[in-house]
Amino acid sequence: MSAKKLYRIREGRVFAGVCSGIGEYLDVDPVIIRLLWLVLVFAFGGGILAYLIAWIIIPMNPVKLLPE
């Protein structure tokens, strides 16, 4: 059994794939993560900075190449 890893997602992303990646990691719909992120942005103002930091820190999902 392999350990679950947090990645930004390429498919189904809206901006940088951060919310989609977090949603996949937590087995939650990415729309819920996006709504929570909007609450952070409007309620506390730190959501934008947190998103930018997550965008830098969380690696992009590696591309799985098909065998030839």
N, C-alpha and C. Protein backbone atom coordinates (compact mmCIF):
# COMPACT_ATOMS: atom_id res chain seq x y z
N MET A 1 0.84 -1.18 0.00
CA MET A 1 0.00 0.00 0.00
C MET A 1 0.88 1.24 0.00
N SER A 2 0.68 2.11 -0.96
CA SER A 2 1.49 3.31 -1.06
C SER A 2 0.87 4.44 -0.24
N ALA A 3 1.72 5.31 0.24
CA ALA A 3 1.26 6.44 1.03
C ALA A 3 0.60 7.47 0.11
N LYS A 4 -0.42 8.11 0.62
CA LYS A 4 -1.13 9.13 -0.13
C LYS A 4 -0.29 10.41 -0.13
N LYS A 5 -0.14 11.05 -1.29
CA LYS A 5 0.66 12.27 -1.40
C LYS A 5 -0.20 13.41 -1.91
N LEU A 6 0.13 14.59 -1.47
CA LEU A 6 -0.59 15.79 -1.88
C LEU A 6 0.07 16.39 -3.11
N TYR A 7 -0.70 16.53 -4.19
CA TYR A 7 -0.23 17.12 -5.43
C TYR A 7 -1.26 18.12 -5.93
N ARG A 8 -0.79 19.09 -6.71
CA ARG A 8 -1.72 19.94 -7.47
C ARG A 8 -2.18 19.12 -8.67
N ILE A 9 -3.43 19.25 -9.04
CA ILE A 9 -4.03 18.43 -10.07
C ILE A 9 -4.05 19.17 -11.41
N ARG A 10 -3.75 18.45 -12.48
CA ARG A 10 -3.78 19.03 -13.83
C ARG A 10 -5.19 19.03 -14.41
N GLU A 11 -5.93 17.93 -14.25
CA GLU A 11 -7.26 17.80 -14.83
C GLU A 11 -8.30 18.34 -13.85
N GLY A 12 -9.24 19.12 -14.37
CA GLY A 12 -10.32 19.63 -13.54
C GLY A 12 -9.94 20.81 -12.68
N ARG A 13 -8.81 21.40 -12.96
CA ARG A 13 -8.41 22.54 -12.14
C ARG A 13 -9.05 23.81 -12.68
N VAL A 14 -9.20 24.79 -11.80
CA VAL A 14 -9.76 26.07 -12.20
C VAL A 14 -8.64 27.08 -12.39
N PHE A 15 -7.72 27.14 -11.44
CA PHE A 15 -6.64 28.10 -11.56
C PHE A 15 -5.29 27.40 -11.55
N ALA A 16 -4.85 26.93 -10.41
CA ALA A 16 -3.54 26.29 -10.32
C ALA A 16 -3.62 24.84 -9.87
N GLY A 17 -4.80 24.35 -9.57
CA GLY A 17 -4.97 22.96 -9.16
C GLY A 17 -4.78 22.71 -7.68
N VAL A 18 -4.64 23.77 -6.89
CA VAL A 18 -4.41 23.60 -5.45
C VAL A 18 -5.64 23.03 -4.77
N CYS A 19 -6.80 23.62 -4.98
CA CYS A 19 -8.03 23.15 -4.33
C CYS A 19 -8.42 21.76 -4.81
N SER A 20 -8.22 21.48 -6.09
CA SER A 20 -8.50 20.14 -6.60
C SER A 20 -7.60 19.11 -5.96
N GLY A 21 -6.33 19.45 -5.79
CA GLY A 21 -5.39 18.55 -5.15
C GLY A 21 -5.71 18.29 -3.70
N ILE A 22 -6.07 19.34 -2.98
CA ILE A 22 -6.44 19.18 -1.58
C ILE A 22 -7.72 18.37 -1.46
N GLY A 23 -8.67 18.62 -2.35
CA GLY A 23 -9.91 17.86 -2.34
C GLY A 23 -9.68 16.39 -2.61
N GLU A 24 -8.82 16.08 -3.57
CA GLU A 24 -8.51 14.68 -3.86
C GLU A 24 -7.78 14.03 -2.69
N TYR A 25 -6.88 14.76 -2.07
CA TYR A 25 -6.12 14.22 -0.95
C TYR A 25 -7.03 13.91 0.24
N LEU A 26 -8.01 14.78 0.49
CA LEU A 26 -8.91 14.61 1.62
C LEU A 26 -10.18 13.82 1.27
N ASP A 27 -10.31 13.39 0.01
CA ASP A 27 -11.51 12.71 -0.49
C ASP A 27 -12.75 13.56 -0.27
N VAL A 28 -12.64 14.84 -0.65
CA VAL A 28 -13.73 15.80 -0.54
C VAL A 28 -13.90 16.45 -1.90
N ASP A 29 -15.13 16.85 -2.22
CA ASP A 29 -15.39 17.54 -3.48
C ASP A 29 -14.58 18.84 -3.52
N PRO A 30 -13.85 19.09 -4.61
CA PRO A 30 -13.04 20.32 -4.71
C PRO A 30 -13.87 21.60 -4.60
N VAL A 31 -15.14 21.54 -4.94
CA VAL A 31 -16.00 22.73 -4.83
C VAL A 31 -16.11 23.16 -3.37
N ILE A 32 -16.18 22.20 -2.46
CA ILE A 32 -16.24 22.52 -1.03
C ILE A 32 -14.95 23.20 -0.60
N ILE A 33 -13.83 22.70 -1.07
CA ILE A 33 -12.53 23.31 -0.72
C ILE A 33 -12.46 24.73 -1.28
N ARG A 34 -12.94 24.92 -2.50
CA ARG A 34 -12.94 26.27 -3.11
C ARG A 34 -13.81 27.23 -2.30
N LEU A 35 -14.98 26.76 -1.86
CA LEU A 35 -15.86 27.62 -1.06
C LEU A 35 -15.22 27.98 0.28
N LEU A 36 -14.58 27.01 0.91
CA LEU A 36 -13.88 27.29 2.17
C LEU A 36 -12.75 28.30 1.94
N TRP A 37 -12.07 28.18 0.81
CA TRP A 37 -10.98 29.10 0.49
C TRP A 37 -11.53 30.52 0.29
N LEU A 38 -12.70 30.64 -0.35
CA LEU A 38 -13.32 31.95 -0.52
C LEU A 38 -13.69 32.57 0.82
N VAL A 39 -14.17 31.74 1.75
CA VAL A 39 -14.48 32.24 3.09
C VAL A 39 -13.22 32.78 3.74
N LEU A 40 -12.11 32.07 3.60
CA LEU A 40 -10.84 32.56 4.16
C LEU A 40 -10.44 33.89 3.54
N VAL A 41 -10.63 34.02 2.24
CA VAL A 41 -10.25 35.26 1.55
C VAL A 41 -11.07 36.43 2.06
N PHE A 42 -12.40 36.26 2.12
CA PHE A 42 -13.26 37.38 2.49
C PHE A 42 -13.33 37.61 3.99
N ALA A 43 -13.21 36.58 4.80
CA ALA A 43 -13.35 36.74 6.24
C ALA A 43 -12.05 37.20 6.90
N PHE A 44 -10.94 36.60 6.48
CA PHE A 44 -9.70 36.89 7.18
C PHE A 44 -8.65 37.56 6.30
N GLY A 45 -8.81 37.52 5.00
CA GLY A 45 -7.87 38.17 4.09
C GLY A 45 -6.59 37.39 3.85
N GLY A 46 -6.37 36.32 4.59
CA GLY A 46 -5.15 35.55 4.43
C GLY A 46 -5.25 34.44 3.41
N GLY A 47 -6.43 34.27 2.84
CA GLY A 47 -6.64 33.18 1.90
C GLY A 47 -5.83 33.33 0.62
N ILE A 48 -5.66 34.54 0.15
CA ILE A 48 -4.89 34.77 -1.08
C ILE A 48 -3.43 34.43 -0.85
N LEU A 49 -2.89 34.89 0.25
CA LEU A 49 -1.49 34.58 0.56
C LEU A 49 -1.31 33.08 0.79
N ALA A 50 -2.26 32.46 1.49
CA ALA A 50 -2.18 31.01 1.73
C ALA A 50 -2.24 30.24 0.41
N TYR A 51 -3.07 30.70 -0.53
CA TYR A 51 -3.18 30.03 -1.82
C TYR A 51 -1.86 30.15 -2.59
N LEU A 52 -1.28 31.33 -2.59
CA LEU A 52 0.00 31.52 -3.29
C LEU A 52 1.10 30.66 -2.68
N ILE A 53 1.13 30.56 -1.37
CA ILE A 53 2.13 29.71 -0.71
C ILE A 53 1.90 28.25 -1.06
N ALA A 54 0.62 27.82 -1.04
CA ALA A 54 0.30 26.43 -1.40
C ALA A 54 0.68 26.15 -2.85
N TRP A 55 0.47 27.13 -3.72
CA TRP A 55 0.80 26.98 -5.14
C TRP A 55 2.30 26.74 -5.31
N ILE A 56 3.10 27.42 -4.50
CA ILE A 56 4.56 27.28 -4.58
C ILE A 56 5.03 25.98 -3.94
N ILE A 57 4.44 25.61 -2.81
CA ILE A 57 4.93 24.48 -2.02
C ILE A 57 4.45 23.13 -2.55
N ILE A 58 3.18 23.03 -2.95
CA ILE A 58 2.62 21.74 -3.36
C ILE A 58 3.08 21.43 -4.78
N PRO A 59 3.72 20.28 -4.99
CA PRO A 59 4.21 19.94 -6.34
C PRO A 59 3.07 19.55 -7.28
N MET A 60 3.33 19.73 -8.58
CA MET A 60 2.36 19.34 -9.60
C MET A 60 2.32 17.82 -9.69
N ASN A 61 1.15 17.29 -9.94
CA ASN A 61 0.97 15.85 -10.11
C ASN A 61 1.85 15.37 -11.25
N PRO A 62 2.70 14.37 -11.02
CA PRO A 62 3.58 13.89 -12.10
C PRO A 62 2.78 13.27 -13.23
N VAL A 63 3.25 13.49 -14.44
CA VAL A 63 2.59 12.94 -15.61
C VAL A 63 2.93 11.45 -15.71
N LYS A 64 1.87 10.65 -15.88
CA LYS A 64 2.08 9.21 -16.02
C LYS A 64 2.15 8.90 -17.50
N LEU A 65 3.31 8.49 -17.96
CA LEU A 65 3.50 8.17 -19.36
C LEU A 65 3.03 6.74 -19.63
N LEU A 66 2.39 6.57 -20.75
CA LEU A 66 1.93 5.24 -21.12
C LEU A 66 3.10 4.43 -21.68
N PRO A 67 3.16 3.15 -21.36
CA PRO A 67 4.25 2.33 -21.91
C PRO A 67 4.09 2.19 -23.43
N GLU A 68 5.20 2.14 -24.11
CA GLU A 68 5.18 2.05 -25.57
C GLU A 68 4.95 0.65 -26.05
